[in-house]
Structure formats: C-alpha cells, structure tokens
Amino acid sequence: MSTFKQLLAPTDFSEYAMMAVRRAAMIAVQQQAKLDLMHVLSSGTLKSLQEFEFLNISQESEAQQLAEAEHQLAALAADIKRETGITPATQIKAGNVLDEVIAAMKAADMLVLGARGTSPLRDLLVGSMAMRLLGKCNLPVLVVNGAPTQIYRRVLVPVDFFPHSREALKLALQIAPDADITVINAFQVPFKGKLALSGAAKEQLQRYRTQAQQLASQNIQELIQEVAGESHQIKHAVKQADPAVFILEQATELEADLIVIGKRGQSLMEGMLLGSVTRHILVNVKCDVLAVHPA
C-alpha cells in the first residue's frame, strides 16, 4: 500500500499548532515521508497594525518580525530533528495565509493543522480560516486536537458508501496500519416519515428498519472486503441514528484517537467539511480528525 511522501504543517507557534507539527513528525517517521514546516506572516495583519500610528509598525519592523519567525521556525525544526531524527524543511512567507498555504500544498500530499490558534490579531489557521482550507483543499487534511503520545491505535471511519468512503478507509489503513479500525454507518429508514403519517403498522416500520440495517451491514462488509480483503480484521457497526450523534457516541465509546471521514457525499457526508455534521464533529470531538477527498 502506498504511503505519504510529503507532509505540510503550517504553524503559528501556538500550542495546538506545535502539537500538529509533532504529530506530523511522528507520521513522517512512520511513513518515511518528508516534512515541510511553514509559517505565514499575514500581510493583512501587518497592514491593519500599520494603521495604528502609535504602534510604529514599519517596513523595518516587518523585516524584524520575519527574522524572528525564521528563528522560531529554525528552532522548532531543530527540536523535531532532535526528537525524531528527521530534518524538516522550513519556509517563511509573507502574504495572505490562505493563498500561501494553498500554493504550498501543491508540493504536498497531506496537510496537518492544529485545531486551535492564539491571538485574533493574527490571521491564523484557526476558525473560519481552517474551515476555508478544509473546503478548498483537495489533499487529506489532518486536524490535530491533542498532544501526540503514540501512533494511532483506535480509528473510527464513518461511511455512507459514496466514493469518498472507500478513500477514507484506504487512508485509515495507510495512516494507522496497526490500529483497531471500526467502520460505522448511520442508516435511515426509507419513507419513514410518510409511513408514520399514513398510520402504517409498527410491524411494517420494523420490517423497513430491519431491511435498511441489513443492507447497511452488507454494504459495510463489502466495502471492507474490497479495500482491506483478509489482510486486516476490521470491526463495523450500523445504527438508525443521526450521523453526528452516532459518530460522537462511537468515538467516545471506542476511545478513538482518530476519526477518518470523507469530504463529499450525501446523507452522512452531505456538504462535507462545510456542513453541520463535520462542523459538529470538529467542534465536539477530543481526538484528531482526518478529512479525505475522493480520488
């Protein structure tokens, strides 16, 4: 199975960004990949600050900030080399954060971001900026929520049987080949609302529910067989439920340290990474989330 070759970890030197860098380094070691550390000094922030004359922000101070950022990034790269043995590449940019990161992504095959940032005075990779990157990025995007203490051991993969589901399971096996992986699906009963309004018998509703559950279970088993074959023992679970609620329930119950989820689709994945399901997951989970774009 192919591996990641080039990881890009933008950093604003905040706590979460530093955790993301270290997780990226851990994955780089595991995947024998290259790691690129990047910091963007936001031109928008500098321009805004220059409007406050009492701050005395000048071109000279901008150069000083760039030099300071270069020093911080070099020190971080040295720490990563000392901790892991790999030597990250570094790059400092000044400009629009979103544009600079998107341009840098052309040379990478995974983007690793911290889930939170620091000062709102900076145009950091947090909040709406992270969501914009997630929406625009065609690469897998790993959003890191906690300090990495070990490789991923318990991985949850929600699926809806659209093409991105296959990619999500493939990437879960790729990034966590030794983990316990559980594939889940939140199924819906066809015509449930209309049946209820028409006063359909409970037996008929139960029959539809049983058929929907059997179909979801069959589809999951076929997906697992197609992607993993007999090489990996993968658990699965199906339930008639709200997708976001079921994902969070399973993540808590399984003590998942990673959720791998597709970026496009319908039902479970509708409006992926810009819709309510993913926003709900990213806001409420305590584990990392890897968002996958269909091949």
Protein backbone atom coordinates (compact mmCIF):
# COMPACT_ATOMS: atom_id res chain seq x y z
CA MET A 1 0.00 0.00 0.00
CA SER A 2 1.37 3.41 -0.98
CA THR A 3 2.47 5.83 1.71
CA PHE A 4 2.51 9.58 2.22
CA LYS A 5 5.62 11.16 0.71
CA GLN A 6 5.39 14.85 1.67
CA LEU A 7 3.61 16.39 4.68
CA LEU A 8 2.95 20.12 5.06
CA ALA A 9 2.47 21.51 8.57
CA PRO A 10 1.70 25.25 8.71
CA THR A 11 2.35 26.67 12.17
CA ASP A 12 1.59 29.89 14.03
CA PHE A 13 3.67 28.65 17.01
CA SER A 14 0.54 28.27 19.15
CA GLU A 15 0.04 25.27 21.46
CA TYR A 16 -2.20 23.38 19.03
CA ALA A 17 -0.01 24.18 16.04
CA MET A 18 3.01 22.78 17.88
CA MET A 19 1.05 19.61 18.65
CA ALA A 20 0.17 19.37 14.96
CA VAL A 21 3.84 19.72 13.98
CA ARG A 22 4.82 16.92 16.33
CA ARG A 23 2.04 14.68 15.08
CA ALA A 24 3.17 15.41 11.52
CA ALA A 25 6.73 14.48 12.50
CA MET A 26 5.51 11.22 14.07
CA ILE A 27 3.63 10.34 10.87
CA ALA A 28 6.64 11.33 8.75
CA VAL A 29 8.80 8.89 10.69
CA GLN A 30 6.20 6.13 10.40
CA GLN A 31 5.61 6.74 6.68
CA GLN A 32 9.25 7.56 5.86
CA ALA A 33 7.99 10.86 4.44
CA LYS A 34 9.43 14.35 4.15
CA LEU A 35 8.11 17.10 6.41
CA ASP A 36 7.78 20.76 5.47
CA LEU A 37 7.19 23.34 8.24
CA MET A 38 5.66 26.64 7.15
CA HIS A 39 4.86 29.97 8.79
CA VAL A 40 2.98 32.79 7.10
CA LEU A 41 3.34 36.35 8.35
CA SER A 42 -0.02 37.79 7.38
CA SER A 43 0.22 40.90 5.21
CA GLY A 44 -3.36 41.72 6.19
CA THR A 45 -2.46 41.79 9.86
CA LEU A 46 0.61 43.97 9.26
CA LYS A 47 -1.41 46.41 7.16
CA SER A 48 -4.08 46.63 9.86
CA LEU A 49 -1.48 47.22 12.57
CA GLN A 50 0.25 49.90 10.48
CA GLU A 51 -2.96 51.95 10.61
CA PHE A 52 -2.39 52.41 14.35
CA GLU A 53 0.38 55.02 14.28
CA PHE A 54 1.18 54.62 17.98
CA LEU A 55 2.34 51.04 17.29
CA ASN A 56 5.00 52.41 14.91
CA ILE A 57 4.82 49.41 12.56
CA SER A 58 7.21 49.99 9.63
CA GLN A 59 8.87 48.01 6.88
CA GLU A 60 11.88 47.68 9.13
CA SER A 61 9.78 46.14 11.90
CA GLU A 62 8.17 43.82 9.32
CA ALA A 63 11.65 42.56 8.41
CA GLN A 64 12.36 42.13 12.09
CA GLN A 65 9.20 40.05 12.51
CA LEU A 66 10.20 37.90 9.54
CA ALA A 67 13.64 37.37 11.07
CA GLU A 68 12.08 36.44 14.41
CA ALA A 69 9.72 33.97 12.69
CA GLU A 70 12.66 32.42 10.84
CA HIS A 71 14.48 31.99 14.15
CA GLN A 72 11.42 30.37 15.78
CA LEU A 73 10.86 28.04 12.84
CA ALA A 74 14.52 27.02 12.73
CA ALA A 75 14.46 26.28 16.46
CA LEU A 76 11.31 24.19 16.00
CA ALA A 77 12.90 22.24 13.15
CA ALA A 78 15.96 21.61 15.35
CA ASP A 79 13.69 20.30 18.14
CA ILE A 80 11.94 17.95 15.70
CA LYS A 81 15.28 16.65 14.42
CA ARG A 82 16.49 16.03 17.96
CA GLU A 83 13.24 14.28 18.95
CA THR A 84 12.65 12.17 15.83
CA GLY A 85 15.82 12.11 13.75
CA ILE A 86 14.17 13.65 10.69
CA THR A 87 15.21 17.05 9.30
CA PRO A 88 12.19 19.14 8.33
CA ALA A 89 12.36 21.69 5.55
CA THR A 90 11.24 25.20 6.55
CA GLN A 91 9.71 28.11 4.70
CA ILE A 92 8.62 31.60 5.77
CA LYS A 93 6.11 33.55 3.70
CA ALA A 94 4.57 37.00 3.98
CA GLY A 95 1.16 37.46 2.40
CA ASN A 96 -2.36 36.10 2.53
CA VAL A 97 -2.37 32.99 4.74
CA LEU A 98 -4.94 31.08 2.73
CA ASP A 99 -3.26 31.81 -0.61
CA GLU A 100 0.22 30.96 0.63
CA VAL A 101 -0.84 27.66 2.20
CA ILE A 102 -2.81 26.64 -0.89
CA ALA A 103 0.22 27.39 -3.06
CA ALA A 104 2.48 25.34 -0.77
CA MET A 105 0.06 22.41 -0.83
CA LYS A 106 0.93 21.72 -4.48
CA ALA A 107 4.12 20.01 -3.35
CA ALA A 108 2.47 18.01 -0.55
CA ASP A 109 0.14 15.06 -0.24
CA MET A 110 -1.21 15.76 3.27
CA LEU A 111 -1.88 18.94 5.24
CA VAL A 112 -1.59 18.85 9.05
CA LEU A 113 -3.26 21.63 11.06
CA GLY A 114 -3.74 22.45 14.71
CA ALA A 115 -7.37 22.60 15.77
CA ARG A 116 -6.96 25.90 17.62
CA GLY A 117 -4.84 29.05 17.43
CA THR A 118 -3.91 32.03 19.54
CA SER A 119 -4.29 35.77 19.07
CA PRO A 120 -7.23 37.03 16.96
CA LEU A 121 -4.93 39.88 15.86
CA ARG A 122 -3.14 37.37 13.64
CA ASP A 123 -4.64 35.81 10.53
CA LEU A 124 -4.05 32.32 11.88
CA LEU A 125 -5.03 28.86 10.64
CA VAL A 126 -7.95 28.53 13.01
CA GLY A 127 -11.71 29.01 13.00
CA SER A 128 -13.06 30.18 9.66
CA MET A 129 -9.56 30.04 8.11
CA ALA A 130 -9.28 26.33 8.89
CA MET A 131 -12.75 25.72 7.50
CA ARG A 132 -11.87 27.59 4.32
CA LEU A 133 -8.75 25.48 3.92
CA LEU A 134 -10.75 22.31 4.51
CA GLY A 135 -13.28 23.38 1.89
CA LYS A 136 -10.69 24.31 -0.74
CA CYS A 137 -8.11 21.60 -0.14
CA ASN A 138 -8.03 18.52 -2.37
CA LEU A 139 -5.48 16.86 -0.09
CA PRO A 140 -6.20 14.81 3.01
CA VAL A 141 -6.32 17.28 5.92
CA LEU A 142 -5.43 16.14 9.43
CA VAL A 143 -6.81 18.37 12.19
CA VAL A 144 -4.91 17.72 15.43
CA ASN A 145 -6.75 18.08 18.73
CA GLY A 146 -4.29 16.70 21.25
CA ALA A 147 -0.65 16.11 22.12
CA PRO A 148 0.69 13.07 20.22
CA THR A 149 1.97 10.48 22.68
CA GLN A 150 1.87 7.42 20.42
CA ILE A 151 0.87 6.28 16.94
CA TYR A 152 -2.86 5.97 16.29
CA ARG A 153 -4.32 2.88 17.99
CA ARG A 154 -8.14 3.23 17.70
CA VAL A 155 -9.55 4.63 14.47
CA LEU A 156 -13.18 5.35 13.59
CA VAL A 157 -14.27 5.54 9.93
CA PRO A 158 -17.84 6.80 9.28
CA VAL A 159 -19.05 5.85 5.78
CA ASP A 160 -22.05 6.44 3.54
CA PHE A 161 -20.96 4.21 0.61
CA PHE A 162 -20.17 7.06 -1.78
CA PRO A 163 -16.69 7.10 -3.42
CA HIS A 164 -15.08 9.06 -0.59
CA SER A 165 -15.98 6.24 1.81
CA ARG A 166 -13.57 3.92 0.02
CA GLU A 167 -10.84 6.59 0.13
CA ALA A 168 -11.44 7.20 3.82
CA LEU A 169 -10.99 3.52 4.69
CA LYS A 170 -7.90 3.27 2.46
CA LEU A 171 -6.32 6.24 4.22
CA ALA A 172 -7.23 4.89 7.65
CA LEU A 173 -5.33 1.69 6.81
CA GLN A 174 -2.47 3.74 5.42
CA ILE A 175 -2.00 6.18 8.29
CA ALA A 176 -2.75 3.64 11.05
CA PRO A 177 -1.85 0.17 9.71
CA ASP A 178 -1.57 -1.36 13.19
CA ALA A 179 -4.65 0.27 14.72
CA ASP A 180 -8.01 -1.21 15.67
CA ILE A 181 -10.32 0.16 12.98
CA THR A 182 -14.11 0.38 13.25
CA VAL A 183 -16.27 1.32 10.26
CA ILE A 184 -19.71 2.75 11.07
CA ASN A 185 -22.83 3.82 9.20
CA ALA A 186 -25.85 5.74 10.44
CA PHE A 187 -28.67 4.43 8.24
CA GLN A 188 -32.11 5.89 7.65
CA VAL A 189 -35.42 4.06 7.13
CA PRO A 190 -36.82 4.81 3.64
CA PHE A 191 -40.16 6.66 3.69
CA LYS A 192 -40.26 6.55 7.49
CA GLY A 193 -41.97 9.92 7.76
CA LYS A 194 -44.62 9.13 5.16
CA LEU A 195 -45.28 5.73 6.72
CA ALA A 196 -45.76 7.30 10.13
CA LEU A 197 -48.11 9.95 8.74
CA SER A 198 -50.16 7.32 6.97
CA GLY A 199 -50.60 5.32 10.15
CA ALA A 200 -48.61 2.36 8.85
CA ALA A 201 -48.40 -0.56 11.20
CA LYS A 202 -45.46 -0.81 13.58
CA GLU A 203 -44.66 -4.19 12.04
CA GLN A 204 -44.24 -2.61 8.62
CA LEU A 205 -41.95 0.10 10.01
CA GLN A 206 -39.92 -2.53 11.82
CA ARG A 207 -39.63 -4.53 8.60
CA TYR A 208 -38.29 -1.49 6.74
CA ARG A 209 -35.90 -0.83 9.62
CA THR A 210 -34.60 -4.39 9.58
CA GLN A 211 -34.11 -4.31 5.81
CA ALA A 212 -32.26 -0.97 5.98
CA GLN A 213 -29.99 -2.28 8.73
CA GLN A 214 -29.23 -5.49 6.84
CA LEU A 215 -28.43 -3.53 3.67
CA ALA A 216 -26.11 -1.14 5.56
CA SER A 217 -24.32 -4.04 7.22
CA GLN A 218 -23.93 -5.83 3.89
CA ASN A 219 -22.59 -2.69 2.22
CA ILE A 220 -20.04 -2.15 5.01
CA GLN A 221 -18.80 -5.73 4.79
CA GLU A 222 -18.44 -5.45 1.01
CA LEU A 223 -16.54 -2.16 1.40
CA ILE A 224 -14.18 -3.69 3.97
CA GLN A 225 -13.60 -6.72 1.76
CA GLU A 226 -12.93 -4.54 -1.29
CA VAL A 227 -10.44 -2.26 0.46
CA ALA A 228 -8.76 -4.50 3.04
CA GLY A 229 -9.55 -8.04 1.94
CA GLU A 230 -8.49 -10.57 4.55
CA SER A 231 -5.32 -8.69 5.47
CA HIS A 232 -6.87 -6.62 8.26
CA GLN A 233 -9.56 -7.51 10.80
CA ILE A 234 -11.91 -4.52 10.80
CA LYS A 235 -14.93 -4.17 13.05
CA HIS A 236 -18.13 -2.49 11.94
CA ALA A 237 -21.36 -1.11 13.40
CA VAL A 238 -24.62 0.18 11.91
CA LYS A 239 -27.43 2.03 13.62
CA GLN A 240 -30.52 4.01 12.73
CA ALA A 241 -29.42 7.36 14.11
CA ASP A 242 -28.46 10.94 13.46
CA PRO A 243 -24.99 10.73 11.85
CA ALA A 244 -23.29 13.37 14.00
CA VAL A 245 -24.68 11.94 17.22
CA PHE A 246 -23.74 8.36 16.28
CA ILE A 247 -20.20 9.35 15.31
CA LEU A 248 -19.62 11.15 18.61
CA GLU A 249 -21.15 8.27 20.57
CA GLN A 250 -18.89 5.75 18.89
CA ALA A 251 -15.82 7.96 19.23
CA THR A 252 -16.43 8.18 22.98
CA GLU A 253 -17.32 4.52 23.45
CA LEU A 254 -14.31 3.27 21.48
CA GLU A 255 -11.97 5.94 22.90
CA ALA A 256 -10.95 6.72 19.34
CA ASP A 257 -7.78 8.72 18.84
CA LEU A 258 -8.55 9.38 15.15
CA ILE A 259 -11.67 9.81 13.01
CA VAL A 260 -11.20 9.44 9.24
CA ILE A 261 -14.09 10.94 7.32
CA GLY A 262 -14.89 11.70 3.67
CA LYS A 263 -15.29 15.22 2.32
CA ARG A 264 -18.12 14.82 -0.17
CA GLY A 265 -21.38 12.94 -0.39
CA GLN A 266 -24.96 12.80 0.70
CA SER A 267 -26.81 11.79 3.87
CA LEU A 268 -23.96 11.22 6.38
CA MET A 269 -21.49 13.33 4.42
CA GLU A 270 -23.72 15.93 2.76
CA GLY A 271 -21.95 19.27 2.34
CA MET A 272 -18.81 17.69 3.73
CA LEU A 273 -16.49 19.98 5.69
CA LEU A 274 -18.84 22.87 5.13
CA GLY A 275 -21.95 21.17 6.54
CA SER A 276 -23.31 20.76 10.03
CA VAL A 277 -22.16 17.14 10.55
CA THR A 278 -18.46 17.84 10.13
CA ARG A 279 -18.59 21.17 11.94
CA HIS A 280 -20.29 19.38 14.83
CA ILE A 281 -17.60 16.69 14.86
CA LEU A 282 -14.67 19.12 14.65
CA VAL A 283 -16.06 21.27 17.44
CA ASN A 284 -17.01 18.46 19.81
CA VAL A 285 -14.53 15.60 19.41
CA LYS A 286 -11.42 15.40 21.53
CA CYS A 287 -9.49 13.24 19.07
CA ASP A 288 -7.82 14.05 15.74
CA VAL A 289 -9.87 14.20 12.53
CA LEU A 290 -8.55 13.26 9.08
CA ALA A 291 -10.72 14.65 6.28
CA VAL A 292 -10.42 12.80 2.98
CA HIS A 293 -11.19 13.96 -0.53
CA PRO A 294 -12.42 11.33 -3.02
CA ALA A 295 -9.84 10.17 -5.55
